[in-house]
Amino acid sequence: MKKFISLILIGCLTILSAKELDLGSILPLGDIKMADISGKDVSLNDAKGKNGLLVIFSCNTCPWVIAWEDRYVELADTYKDKGVGIVAINSNETQFENVDSMEEMQAHAKEQGYNFYYTMDNGSKLASEFGATRTPHIYLFDKKDKLVYRGAIDDNARKPDKVENTYLADAIDNMLAGSAIDPTATKALGCAIKFAK
């Protein structure tokens, strides 16, 4: 029991001590290749659109992801043709041999109609560099690779019809229009990323 409590405390401290990428930061690790569900290796630079890049730290089984992921697809439908690239990144390294394996990622993406890259972050390098701690955890970069928004998709994962604040869509619209983004950061809600020990 003591060991179990110690592991929980270590996990909580890891999450609390992770420093999120500062707003205004330039896209990190843009050239690192990751295995994608397509069977190809892709990088963040490969995923970028001419007007920006949306990075979503995600996975297959988190209830928060499952509640929000239909909105991933809607966002891709709306913004890919407007030059915003989209990539979902699975950093749950301790689950890569089971529920978050590449085979499970491919099956999950097909079932959910993913229309964007869905990659495996070996070593959780990108999650660590971004300071991502949750699934989903959102990072939006403009066409100059500058971080302009981070946090949550909107204010109601469970009830899409009750959403009052579409944080991410508003941020993308304002980014594309060259207008001020407000808010630029919200709290990411979701399951803890399963980093390797």
N, C-alpha and C. Protein backbone atom coordinates (compact mmCIF):
# COMPACT_ATOMS: atom_id res chain seq x y z
N MET A 1 0.83 -1.20 0.00
CA MET A 1 0.00 0.00 0.00
C MET A 1 0.87 1.26 0.00
N LYS A 2 1.93 1.24 0.82
CA LYS A 2 2.82 2.40 0.88
C LYS A 2 3.48 2.65 -0.48
N LYS A 3 3.87 1.55 -1.15
CA LYS A 3 4.49 1.68 -2.47
C LYS A 3 3.50 2.28 -3.47
N PHE A 4 2.24 1.84 -3.39
CA PHE A 4 1.20 2.35 -4.28
C PHE A 4 1.01 3.86 -4.07
N ILE A 5 0.93 4.29 -2.80
CA ILE A 5 0.76 5.70 -2.49
C ILE A 5 1.97 6.51 -2.96
N SER A 6 3.16 5.94 -2.78
CA SER A 6 4.38 6.62 -3.24
C SER A 6 4.36 6.83 -4.74
N LEU A 7 3.91 5.81 -5.49
CA LEU A 7 3.85 5.94 -6.95
C LEU A 7 2.86 7.02 -7.37
N ILE A 8 1.72 7.09 -6.67
CA ILE A 8 0.74 8.12 -6.97
C ILE A 8 1.33 9.51 -6.72
N LEU A 9 2.01 9.66 -5.58
CA LEU A 9 2.62 10.95 -5.24
C LEU A 9 3.68 11.35 -6.26
N ILE A 10 4.50 10.39 -6.66
CA ILE A 10 5.53 10.67 -7.68
C ILE A 10 4.87 11.12 -8.98
N GLY A 11 3.80 10.41 -9.38
CA GLY A 11 3.09 10.78 -10.60
C GLY A 11 2.51 12.17 -10.52
N CYS A 12 1.91 12.51 -9.36
CA CYS A 12 1.34 13.85 -9.18
C CYS A 12 2.42 14.92 -9.21
N LEU A 13 3.55 14.65 -8.55
CA LEU A 13 4.63 15.62 -8.54
C LEU A 13 5.21 15.83 -9.93
N THR A 14 5.29 14.74 -10.71
CA THR A 14 5.77 14.86 -12.09
C THR A 14 4.87 15.78 -12.89
N ILE A 15 3.55 15.59 -12.73
CA ILE A 15 2.60 16.43 -13.46
C ILE A 15 2.70 17.88 -13.01
N LEU A 16 2.80 18.08 -11.68
CA LEU A 16 2.85 19.44 -11.16
C LEU A 16 4.14 20.15 -11.55
N SER A 17 5.24 19.38 -11.67
CA SER A 17 6.52 20.02 -11.94
C SER A 17 6.78 20.23 -13.44
N ALA A 18 5.98 19.62 -14.30
CA ALA A 18 6.17 19.77 -15.73
C ALA A 18 5.88 21.22 -16.12
N LYS A 19 6.81 21.83 -16.83
CA LYS A 19 6.63 23.23 -17.24
C LYS A 19 6.08 23.25 -18.65
N GLU A 20 4.90 23.84 -18.78
CA GLU A 20 4.30 23.97 -20.09
C GLU A 20 5.09 24.94 -20.96
N LEU A 21 5.08 24.65 -22.24
CA LEU A 21 5.71 25.53 -23.21
C LEU A 21 5.12 26.93 -23.08
N ASP A 22 6.00 27.93 -23.00
CA ASP A 22 5.53 29.31 -22.85
C ASP A 22 4.85 29.79 -24.12
N LEU A 23 3.81 30.58 -23.94
CA LEU A 23 3.18 31.23 -25.09
C LEU A 23 4.22 32.09 -25.79
N GLY A 24 4.19 32.08 -27.11
CA GLY A 24 5.19 32.80 -27.89
C GLY A 24 6.40 31.96 -28.24
N SER A 25 6.50 30.76 -27.63
CA SER A 25 7.62 29.87 -27.94
C SER A 25 7.54 29.39 -29.38
N ILE A 26 8.69 29.07 -29.94
CA ILE A 26 8.75 28.53 -31.29
C ILE A 26 8.59 27.01 -31.22
N LEU A 27 7.89 26.46 -32.19
CA LEU A 27 7.61 25.02 -32.26
C LEU A 27 8.87 24.20 -32.00
N PRO A 28 8.88 23.36 -30.96
CA PRO A 28 10.07 22.56 -30.66
C PRO A 28 10.05 21.21 -31.38
N LEU A 29 11.22 20.64 -31.55
CA LEU A 29 11.38 19.27 -32.08
C LEU A 29 10.62 19.05 -33.38
N GLY A 30 10.64 20.07 -34.21
CA GLY A 30 9.87 20.00 -35.46
C GLY A 30 10.31 18.94 -36.44
N ASP A 31 11.58 18.50 -36.34
CA ASP A 31 12.10 17.54 -37.31
C ASP A 31 12.08 16.09 -36.83
N ILE A 32 11.71 15.84 -35.59
CA ILE A 32 11.71 14.46 -35.07
C ILE A 32 10.63 13.64 -35.78
N LYS A 33 11.03 12.54 -36.37
CA LYS A 33 10.09 11.67 -37.08
C LYS A 33 9.39 10.74 -36.10
N MET A 34 8.09 10.59 -36.28
CA MET A 34 7.26 9.71 -35.45
C MET A 34 6.49 8.75 -36.35
N ALA A 35 6.27 7.54 -35.87
CA ALA A 35 5.46 6.58 -36.62
C ALA A 35 4.02 7.08 -36.63
N ASP A 36 3.43 7.09 -37.83
CA ASP A 36 2.05 7.54 -38.00
C ASP A 36 1.17 6.35 -38.36
N ILE A 37 -0.13 6.48 -38.13
CA ILE A 37 -1.07 5.39 -38.45
C ILE A 37 -1.08 5.05 -39.93
N SER A 38 -0.58 5.96 -40.77
CA SER A 38 -0.52 5.71 -42.22
C SER A 38 0.56 4.70 -42.59
N GLY A 39 1.46 4.41 -41.63
CA GLY A 39 2.59 3.54 -41.91
C GLY A 39 3.84 4.33 -42.27
N LYS A 40 3.71 5.63 -42.41
CA LYS A 40 4.85 6.50 -42.71
C LYS A 40 5.37 7.12 -41.42
N ASP A 41 6.59 7.64 -41.48
CA ASP A 41 7.13 8.43 -40.38
C ASP A 41 6.94 9.90 -40.72
N VAL A 42 6.37 10.66 -39.80
CA VAL A 42 6.11 12.08 -40.04
C VAL A 42 6.62 12.91 -38.88
N SER A 43 6.89 14.17 -39.15
CA SER A 43 7.34 15.11 -38.13
C SER A 43 6.30 16.22 -38.00
N LEU A 44 6.48 17.05 -37.00
CA LEU A 44 5.59 18.21 -36.86
C LEU A 44 5.73 19.13 -38.07
N ASN A 45 6.95 19.26 -38.59
CA ASN A 45 7.13 20.09 -39.78
C ASN A 45 6.39 19.52 -40.98
N ASP A 46 6.31 18.18 -41.07
CA ASP A 46 5.55 17.56 -42.15
C ASP A 46 4.05 17.86 -42.01
N ALA A 47 3.59 17.95 -40.75
CA ALA A 47 2.16 18.11 -40.48
C ALA A 47 1.68 19.55 -40.63
N LYS A 48 2.61 20.50 -40.61
CA LYS A 48 2.23 21.92 -40.65
C LYS A 48 1.47 22.27 -41.92
N GLY A 49 0.52 23.18 -41.76
CA GLY A 49 -0.13 23.79 -42.91
C GLY A 49 0.50 25.15 -43.17
N LYS A 50 0.10 25.79 -44.24
CA LYS A 50 0.70 27.08 -44.58
C LYS A 50 0.34 28.17 -43.57
N ASN A 51 -0.74 27.95 -42.80
CA ASN A 51 -1.18 28.97 -41.85
C ASN A 51 -1.05 28.55 -40.39
N GLY A 52 -0.48 27.38 -40.14
CA GLY A 52 -0.29 27.00 -38.74
C GLY A 52 -0.37 25.51 -38.51
N LEU A 53 -0.28 25.16 -37.23
CA LEU A 53 -0.29 23.75 -36.83
C LEU A 53 -1.00 23.60 -35.49
N LEU A 54 -1.93 22.65 -35.45
CA LEU A 54 -2.61 22.28 -34.22
C LEU A 54 -2.05 20.94 -33.75
N VAL A 55 -1.48 20.92 -32.54
CA VAL A 55 -0.93 19.71 -31.94
C VAL A 55 -1.85 19.28 -30.81
N ILE A 56 -2.32 18.03 -30.86
CA ILE A 56 -3.21 17.50 -29.83
C ILE A 56 -2.54 16.28 -29.20
N PHE A 57 -2.17 16.37 -27.94
CA PHE A 57 -1.69 15.18 -27.23
C PHE A 57 -2.91 14.36 -26.86
N SER A 58 -2.93 13.11 -27.31
CA SER A 58 -4.13 12.30 -27.22
C SER A 58 -3.78 10.84 -26.96
N CYS A 59 -4.77 9.96 -27.03
CA CYS A 59 -4.57 8.52 -26.84
C CYS A 59 -5.83 7.80 -27.29
N ASN A 60 -5.93 6.51 -26.99
CA ASN A 60 -7.08 5.73 -27.45
C ASN A 60 -8.20 5.57 -26.44
N THR A 61 -7.88 5.58 -25.15
CA THR A 61 -8.86 5.11 -24.16
C THR A 61 -9.30 6.12 -23.11
N CYS A 62 -8.65 7.24 -22.98
CA CYS A 62 -9.03 8.22 -21.96
C CYS A 62 -10.47 8.68 -22.18
N PRO A 63 -11.31 8.65 -21.14
CA PRO A 63 -12.70 9.11 -21.30
C PRO A 63 -12.82 10.56 -21.76
N TRP A 64 -11.86 11.40 -21.39
CA TRP A 64 -11.88 12.79 -21.84
C TRP A 64 -11.62 12.88 -23.35
N VAL A 65 -10.68 12.08 -23.83
CA VAL A 65 -10.42 12.03 -25.28
C VAL A 65 -11.67 11.54 -26.01
N ILE A 66 -12.25 10.47 -25.51
CA ILE A 66 -13.43 9.89 -26.15
C ILE A 66 -14.57 10.90 -26.20
N ALA A 67 -14.69 11.71 -25.15
CA ALA A 67 -15.74 12.74 -25.12
C ALA A 67 -15.49 13.85 -26.13
N TRP A 68 -14.22 14.18 -26.36
CA TRP A 68 -13.89 15.34 -27.19
C TRP A 68 -13.49 14.98 -28.63
N GLU A 69 -13.13 13.73 -28.92
CA GLU A 69 -12.46 13.46 -30.19
C GLU A 69 -13.32 13.66 -31.43
N ASP A 70 -14.64 13.64 -31.31
CA ASP A 70 -15.45 13.97 -32.48
C ASP A 70 -15.20 15.42 -32.90
N ARG A 71 -14.83 16.25 -31.93
CA ARG A 71 -14.50 17.64 -32.24
C ARG A 71 -13.14 17.76 -32.91
N TYR A 72 -12.23 16.80 -32.68
CA TYR A 72 -10.97 16.78 -33.44
C TYR A 72 -11.30 16.72 -34.93
N VAL A 73 -12.19 15.78 -35.25
CA VAL A 73 -12.55 15.54 -36.66
C VAL A 73 -13.24 16.76 -37.26
N GLU A 74 -14.14 17.37 -36.48
CA GLU A 74 -14.82 18.58 -36.96
C GLU A 74 -13.83 19.72 -37.20
N LEU A 75 -12.88 19.87 -36.28
CA LEU A 75 -11.86 20.91 -36.44
C LEU A 75 -11.04 20.68 -37.70
N ALA A 76 -10.67 19.42 -37.94
CA ALA A 76 -9.91 19.11 -39.16
C ALA A 76 -10.74 19.40 -40.40
N ASP A 77 -12.02 19.04 -40.37
CA ASP A 77 -12.91 19.32 -41.50
C ASP A 77 -12.99 20.82 -41.79
N THR A 78 -13.02 21.60 -40.72
CA THR A 78 -13.18 23.05 -40.87
C THR A 78 -11.90 23.76 -41.26
N TYR A 79 -10.76 23.32 -40.70
CA TYR A 79 -9.56 24.15 -40.80
C TYR A 79 -8.44 23.61 -41.69
N LYS A 80 -8.46 22.34 -42.06
CA LYS A 80 -7.38 21.85 -42.92
C LYS A 80 -7.35 22.59 -44.25
N ASP A 81 -8.54 22.84 -44.82
CA ASP A 81 -8.59 23.55 -46.10
C ASP A 81 -8.25 25.03 -45.96
N LYS A 82 -8.17 25.51 -44.71
CA LYS A 82 -7.79 26.90 -44.46
C LYS A 82 -6.31 26.99 -44.11
N GLY A 83 -5.59 25.88 -44.29
CA GLY A 83 -4.14 25.91 -44.13
C GLY A 83 -3.63 25.65 -42.73
N VAL A 84 -4.47 25.03 -41.89
CA VAL A 84 -4.01 24.67 -40.54
C VAL A 84 -3.81 23.15 -40.50
N GLY A 85 -2.55 22.73 -40.33
CA GLY A 85 -2.25 21.32 -40.22
C GLY A 85 -2.64 20.80 -38.84
N ILE A 86 -2.94 19.51 -38.78
CA ILE A 86 -3.36 18.91 -37.50
C ILE A 86 -2.64 17.59 -37.30
N VAL A 87 -2.13 17.41 -36.07
CA VAL A 87 -1.51 16.14 -35.70
C VAL A 87 -1.92 15.81 -34.28
N ALA A 88 -2.36 14.58 -34.06
CA ALA A 88 -2.60 14.06 -32.72
C ALA A 88 -1.39 13.19 -32.37
N ILE A 89 -0.91 13.31 -31.14
CA ILE A 89 0.30 12.61 -30.71
C ILE A 89 -0.02 11.76 -29.49
N ASN A 90 0.30 10.47 -29.58
CA ASN A 90 0.11 9.56 -28.45
C ASN A 90 1.45 9.39 -27.74
N SER A 91 1.52 9.87 -26.49
CA SER A 91 2.76 9.81 -25.71
C SER A 91 2.67 8.83 -24.54
N ASN A 92 1.63 8.00 -24.52
CA ASN A 92 1.40 7.06 -23.41
C ASN A 92 2.35 5.86 -23.51
N GLU A 93 3.64 6.11 -23.30
CA GLU A 93 4.65 5.08 -23.57
C GLU A 93 4.44 3.80 -22.78
N THR A 94 3.97 3.89 -21.56
CA THR A 94 3.80 2.66 -20.76
C THR A 94 2.66 1.79 -21.29
N GLN A 95 1.88 2.31 -22.24
CA GLN A 95 0.77 1.54 -22.80
C GLN A 95 0.97 1.19 -24.27
N PHE A 96 2.20 1.45 -24.80
CA PHE A 96 2.45 1.17 -26.21
C PHE A 96 2.42 -0.32 -26.55
N GLU A 97 2.54 -1.17 -25.55
CA GLU A 97 2.49 -2.62 -25.80
C GLU A 97 1.07 -3.17 -25.71
N ASN A 98 0.10 -2.33 -25.34
CA ASN A 98 -1.27 -2.85 -25.22
C ASN A 98 -2.30 -1.86 -25.79
N VAL A 99 -3.03 -1.12 -24.95
CA VAL A 99 -4.15 -0.32 -25.45
C VAL A 99 -3.75 0.85 -26.33
N ASP A 100 -2.49 1.26 -26.28
CA ASP A 100 -2.02 2.36 -27.13
C ASP A 100 -0.96 1.90 -28.13
N SER A 101 -1.02 0.64 -28.51
CA SER A 101 -0.10 0.13 -29.54
C SER A 101 -0.46 0.76 -30.89
N MET A 102 0.45 0.68 -31.84
CA MET A 102 0.18 1.23 -33.16
C MET A 102 -1.04 0.56 -33.79
N GLU A 103 -1.18 -0.76 -33.60
CA GLU A 103 -2.33 -1.46 -34.16
C GLU A 103 -3.63 -0.93 -33.56
N GLU A 104 -3.62 -0.69 -32.25
CA GLU A 104 -4.82 -0.15 -31.59
C GLU A 104 -5.07 1.29 -32.03
N MET A 105 -4.01 2.06 -32.22
CA MET A 105 -4.16 3.43 -32.72
C MET A 105 -4.80 3.44 -34.10
N GLN A 106 -4.32 2.55 -34.97
CA GLN A 106 -4.87 2.48 -36.33
C GLN A 106 -6.35 2.11 -36.31
N ALA A 107 -6.69 1.12 -35.48
CA ALA A 107 -8.08 0.69 -35.39
C ALA A 107 -8.96 1.80 -34.81
N HIS A 108 -8.46 2.45 -33.79
CA HIS A 108 -9.22 3.53 -33.15
C HIS A 108 -9.45 4.68 -34.12
N ALA A 109 -8.40 5.07 -34.82
CA ALA A 109 -8.51 6.18 -35.78
C ALA A 109 -9.50 5.87 -36.89
N LYS A 110 -9.48 4.63 -37.36
CA LYS A 110 -10.42 4.22 -38.42
C LYS A 110 -11.85 4.26 -37.90
N GLU A 111 -12.05 3.75 -36.71
CA GLU A 111 -13.39 3.71 -36.12
C GLU A 111 -13.95 5.11 -35.89
N GLN A 112 -13.08 6.04 -35.51
CA GLN A 112 -13.52 7.40 -35.19
C GLN A 112 -13.48 8.35 -36.39
N GLY A 113 -13.00 7.87 -37.53
CA GLY A 113 -12.97 8.70 -38.73
C GLY A 113 -11.92 9.80 -38.69
N TYR A 114 -10.77 9.50 -38.05
CA TYR A 114 -9.70 10.50 -37.99
C TYR A 114 -9.27 10.90 -39.41
N ASN A 115 -9.14 12.18 -39.63
CA ASN A 115 -8.77 12.73 -40.93
C ASN A 115 -7.53 13.62 -40.79
N PHE A 116 -6.58 13.16 -39.96
CA PHE A 116 -5.36 13.90 -39.66
C PHE A 116 -4.32 12.89 -39.20
N TYR A 117 -3.09 13.34 -39.07
CA TYR A 117 -2.02 12.47 -38.58
C TYR A 117 -2.30 12.05 -37.13
N TYR A 118 -1.93 10.81 -36.81
CA TYR A 118 -2.01 10.30 -35.43
C TYR A 118 -0.73 9.51 -35.21
N THR A 119 0.18 10.07 -34.41
CA THR A 119 1.53 9.55 -34.30
C THR A 119 1.86 9.02 -32.92
N MET A 120 2.92 8.22 -32.87
CA MET A 120 3.41 7.63 -31.62
C MET A 120 4.70 8.34 -31.20
N ASP A 121 4.69 8.88 -29.99
CA ASP A 121 5.80 9.67 -29.45
C ASP A 121 6.69 8.76 -28.59
N ASN A 122 7.60 8.03 -29.25
CA ASN A 122 8.49 7.13 -28.52
C ASN A 122 9.38 7.90 -27.56
N GLY A 123 9.45 7.42 -26.33
CA GLY A 123 10.22 8.11 -25.31
C GLY A 123 9.50 9.33 -24.74
N SER A 124 8.27 9.56 -25.21
CA SER A 124 7.47 10.73 -24.79
C SER A 124 8.27 12.02 -24.91
N LYS A 125 9.14 12.08 -25.91
CA LYS A 125 10.03 13.24 -26.08
C LYS A 125 9.25 14.54 -26.31
N LEU A 126 8.25 14.47 -27.18
CA LEU A 126 7.51 15.69 -27.49
C LEU A 126 6.67 16.14 -26.30
N ALA A 127 6.00 15.18 -25.66
CA ALA A 127 5.20 15.55 -24.49
C ALA A 127 6.06 16.22 -23.43
N SER A 128 7.25 15.68 -23.21
CA SER A 128 8.16 16.26 -22.22
C SER A 128 8.59 17.66 -22.63
N GLU A 129 8.93 17.84 -23.89
CA GLU A 129 9.41 19.14 -24.37
C GLU A 129 8.29 20.19 -24.32
N PHE A 130 7.07 19.77 -24.63
CA PHE A 130 5.93 20.70 -24.62
C PHE A 130 5.43 20.97 -23.20
N GLY A 131 5.76 20.08 -22.27
CA GLY A 131 5.19 20.19 -20.93
C GLY A 131 3.75 19.70 -20.90
N ALA A 132 3.40 18.85 -21.87
CA ALA A 132 2.04 18.29 -21.92
C ALA A 132 1.90 17.26 -20.81
N THR A 133 0.78 17.29 -20.12
CA THR A 133 0.55 16.36 -19.02
C THR A 133 -0.75 15.59 -19.15
N ARG A 134 -1.62 16.03 -20.03
CA ARG A 134 -2.98 15.47 -20.11
C ARG A 134 -3.32 15.01 -21.53
N THR A 135 -4.33 14.17 -21.60
CA THR A 135 -4.95 13.86 -22.89
C THR A 135 -6.45 14.17 -22.75
N PRO A 136 -6.94 15.09 -23.59
CA PRO A 136 -6.22 15.88 -24.59
C PRO A 136 -5.55 17.12 -24.00
N HIS A 137 -4.47 17.53 -24.64
CA HIS A 137 -3.76 18.77 -24.29
C HIS A 137 -3.42 19.43 -25.62
N ILE A 138 -3.86 20.66 -25.79
CA ILE A 138 -3.85 21.34 -27.09
C ILE A 138 -2.75 22.41 -27.16
N TYR A 139 -2.07 22.47 -28.31
CA TYR A 139 -1.08 23.52 -28.59
C TYR A 139 -1.30 24.01 -30.02
N LEU A 140 -1.53 25.30 -30.18
CA LEU A 140 -1.78 25.89 -31.50
C LEU A 140 -0.64 26.84 -31.86
N PHE A 141 -0.04 26.60 -33.04
CA PHE A 141 1.07 27.43 -33.53
C PHE A 141 0.64 28.16 -34.80
N ASP A 142 1.09 29.39 -34.93
CA ASP A 142 0.74 30.18 -36.11
C ASP A 142 1.69 29.86 -37.28
N LYS A 143 1.55 30.59 -38.37
CA LYS A 143 2.35 30.29 -39.56
C LYS A 143 3.83 30.61 -39.39
N LYS A 144 4.17 31.34 -38.33
CA LYS A 144 5.58 31.60 -38.01
C LYS A 144 6.10 30.63 -36.96
N ASP A 145 5.33 29.56 -36.72
CA ASP A 145 5.69 28.51 -35.74
C ASP A 145 5.67 29.01 -34.29
N LYS A 146 4.94 30.07 -34.02
CA LYS A 146 4.86 30.62 -32.67
C LYS A 146 3.62 30.09 -31.94
N LEU A 147 3.80 29.67 -30.68
CA LEU A 147 2.68 29.16 -29.88
C LEU A 147 1.75 30.32 -29.52
N VAL A 148 0.48 30.20 -29.95
CA VAL A 148 -0.48 31.29 -29.73
C VAL A 148 -1.63 30.89 -28.81
N TYR A 149 -1.82 29.58 -28.60
CA TYR A 149 -2.87 29.11 -27.69
C TYR A 149 -2.48 27.73 -27.17
N ARG A 150 -2.83 27.47 -25.90
CA ARG A 150 -2.65 26.14 -25.33
C ARG A 150 -3.73 25.88 -24.30
N GLY A 151 -4.08 24.59 -24.14
CA GLY A 151 -5.06 24.24 -23.11
C GLY A 151 -6.12 23.28 -23.58
N ALA A 152 -7.38 23.71 -23.45
CA ALA A 152 -8.54 22.86 -23.73
C ALA A 152 -9.20 23.21 -25.07
N ILE A 153 -10.02 22.29 -25.55
CA ILE A 153 -10.75 22.51 -26.80
C ILE A 153 -11.91 23.48 -26.58
N ASP A 154 -12.69 23.19 -25.56
CA ASP A 154 -13.83 24.05 -25.21
C ASP A 154 -14.16 23.83 -23.74
N ASP A 155 -15.30 24.32 -23.29
CA ASP A 155 -15.60 24.28 -21.86
C ASP A 155 -16.58 23.18 -21.44
N ASN A 156 -16.86 22.22 -22.35
CA ASN A 156 -17.76 21.14 -21.95
C ASN A 156 -17.49 19.88 -22.76
N ALA A 157 -16.64 19.02 -22.23
CA ALA A 157 -16.30 17.78 -22.93
C ALA A 157 -17.51 16.86 -23.06
N ARG A 158 -18.26 16.72 -22.00
CA ARG A 158 -19.34 15.72 -21.95
C ARG A 158 -20.59 16.08 -22.74
N LYS A 159 -20.87 17.38 -22.82
CA LYS A 159 -22.12 17.80 -23.46
C LYS A 159 -21.85 18.85 -24.53
N PRO A 160 -21.57 18.40 -25.74
CA PRO A 160 -21.24 19.36 -26.81
C PRO A 160 -22.31 20.43 -27.02
N ASP A 161 -23.57 20.07 -26.81
CA ASP A 161 -24.65 21.04 -27.02
C ASP A 161 -24.72 22.10 -25.92
N LYS A 162 -23.95 21.90 -24.85
CA LYS A 162 -23.94 22.85 -23.74
C LYS A 162 -22.66 23.72 -23.73
N VAL A 163 -21.83 23.58 -24.77
CA VAL A 163 -20.60 24.36 -24.84
C VAL A 163 -20.93 25.85 -24.94
N GLU A 164 -20.30 26.64 -24.08
CA GLU A 164 -20.48 28.09 -24.12
C GLU A 164 -19.25 28.80 -24.67
N ASN A 165 -18.07 28.19 -24.47
CA ASN A 165 -16.82 28.81 -24.93
C ASN A 165 -16.04 27.84 -25.81
N THR A 166 -15.97 28.14 -27.09
CA THR A 166 -15.22 27.31 -28.04
C THR A 166 -13.80 27.87 -28.15
N TYR A 167 -13.03 27.65 -27.06
CA TYR A 167 -11.70 28.27 -26.95
C TYR A 167 -10.82 28.04 -28.18
N LEU A 168 -10.70 26.77 -28.58
CA LEU A 168 -9.77 26.45 -29.65
C LEU A 168 -10.24 26.99 -31.00
N ALA A 169 -11.49 26.75 -31.35
CA ALA A 169 -12.01 27.26 -32.63
C ALA A 169 -11.91 28.78 -32.69
N ASP A 170 -12.20 29.44 -31.57
CA ASP A 170 -12.09 30.91 -31.54
C ASP A 170 -10.63 31.33 -31.74
N ALA A 171 -9.71 30.59 -31.09
CA ALA A 171 -8.29 30.91 -31.23
C ALA A 171 -7.83 30.74 -32.68
N ILE A 172 -8.28 29.66 -33.33
CA ILE A 172 -7.89 29.44 -34.73
C ILE A 172 -8.48 30.54 -35.61
N ASP A 173 -9.76 30.85 -35.42
CA ASP A 173 -10.39 31.91 -36.23
C ASP A 173 -9.65 33.23 -36.09
N ASN A 174 -9.34 33.58 -34.84
CA ASN A 174 -8.63 34.85 -34.61
C ASN A 174 -7.22 34.82 -35.18
N MET A 175 -6.55 33.68 -35.04
CA MET A 175 -5.21 33.54 -35.62
C MET A 175 -5.26 33.77 -37.13
N LEU A 176 -6.22 33.14 -37.79
CA LEU A 176 -6.32 33.26 -39.25
C LEU A 176 -6.69 34.68 -39.67
N ALA A 177 -7.46 35.36 -38.83
CA ALA A 177 -7.89 36.72 -39.14
C ALA A 177 -6.85 37.76 -38.74
N GLY A 178 -5.81 37.34 -38.02
CA GLY A 178 -4.81 38.28 -37.54
C GLY A 178 -5.29 39.10 -36.37
N SER A 179 -6.31 38.59 -35.67
CA SER A 179 -6.87 39.30 -34.51
C SER A 179 -6.28 38.75 -33.22
N ALA A 180 -6.49 39.48 -32.14
CA ALA A 180 -5.99 39.05 -30.83
C ALA A 180 -6.73 37.81 -30.37
N ILE A 181 -6.00 36.89 -29.76
CA ILE A 181 -6.58 35.67 -29.21
C ILE A 181 -6.80 35.89 -27.71
N ASP A 182 -8.03 35.60 -27.26
CA ASP A 182 -8.36 35.77 -25.85
C ASP A 182 -9.45 34.77 -25.48
N PRO A 183 -9.13 33.82 -24.59
CA PRO A 183 -7.88 33.66 -23.85
C PRO A 183 -6.83 32.95 -24.69
N THR A 184 -5.58 33.13 -24.31
CA THR A 184 -4.48 32.45 -24.99
C THR A 184 -4.12 31.14 -24.29
N ALA A 185 -4.63 30.95 -23.07
CA ALA A 185 -4.36 29.72 -22.33
C ALA A 185 -5.55 29.36 -21.46
N THR A 186 -5.90 28.08 -21.45
CA THR A 186 -6.94 27.55 -20.58
C THR A 186 -6.39 26.29 -19.93
N LYS A 187 -7.11 25.76 -18.98
CA LYS A 187 -6.64 24.57 -18.27
C LYS A 187 -6.98 23.32 -19.07
N ALA A 188 -5.97 22.51 -19.36
CA ALA A 188 -6.19 21.23 -20.04
C ALA A 188 -6.77 20.24 -19.04
N LEU A 189 -7.90 19.65 -19.39
CA LEU A 189 -8.54 18.64 -18.55
C LEU A 189 -8.43 17.30 -19.24
N GLY A 190 -8.10 16.26 -18.49
CA GLY A 190 -8.03 14.94 -19.10
C GLY A 190 -7.26 13.97 -18.24
N CYS A 191 -6.91 12.85 -18.84
CA CYS A 191 -6.16 11.80 -18.15
C CYS A 191 -4.68 12.14 -18.19
N ALA A 192 -3.96 11.72 -17.17
CA ALA A 192 -2.51 11.95 -17.14
C ALA A 192 -1.83 11.14 -18.23
N ILE A 193 -0.88 11.77 -18.91
CA ILE A 193 -0.05 11.04 -19.88
C ILE A 193 0.75 9.98 -19.14
N LYS A 194 0.83 8.79 -19.72
CA LYS A 194 1.51 7.65 -19.06
C LYS A 194 2.97 7.62 -19.50
N PHE A 195 3.78 8.45 -18.84
CA PHE A 195 5.21 8.51 -19.15
C PHE A 195 5.90 7.24 -18.65
N ALA A 196 6.97 6.83 -19.35
CA ALA A 196 7.77 5.70 -18.88
C ALA A 196 8.47 6.11 -17.59
N LYS A 197 8.67 5.16 -16.71
CA LYS A 197 9.35 5.43 -15.42
C LYS A 197 10.81 5.73 -15.67
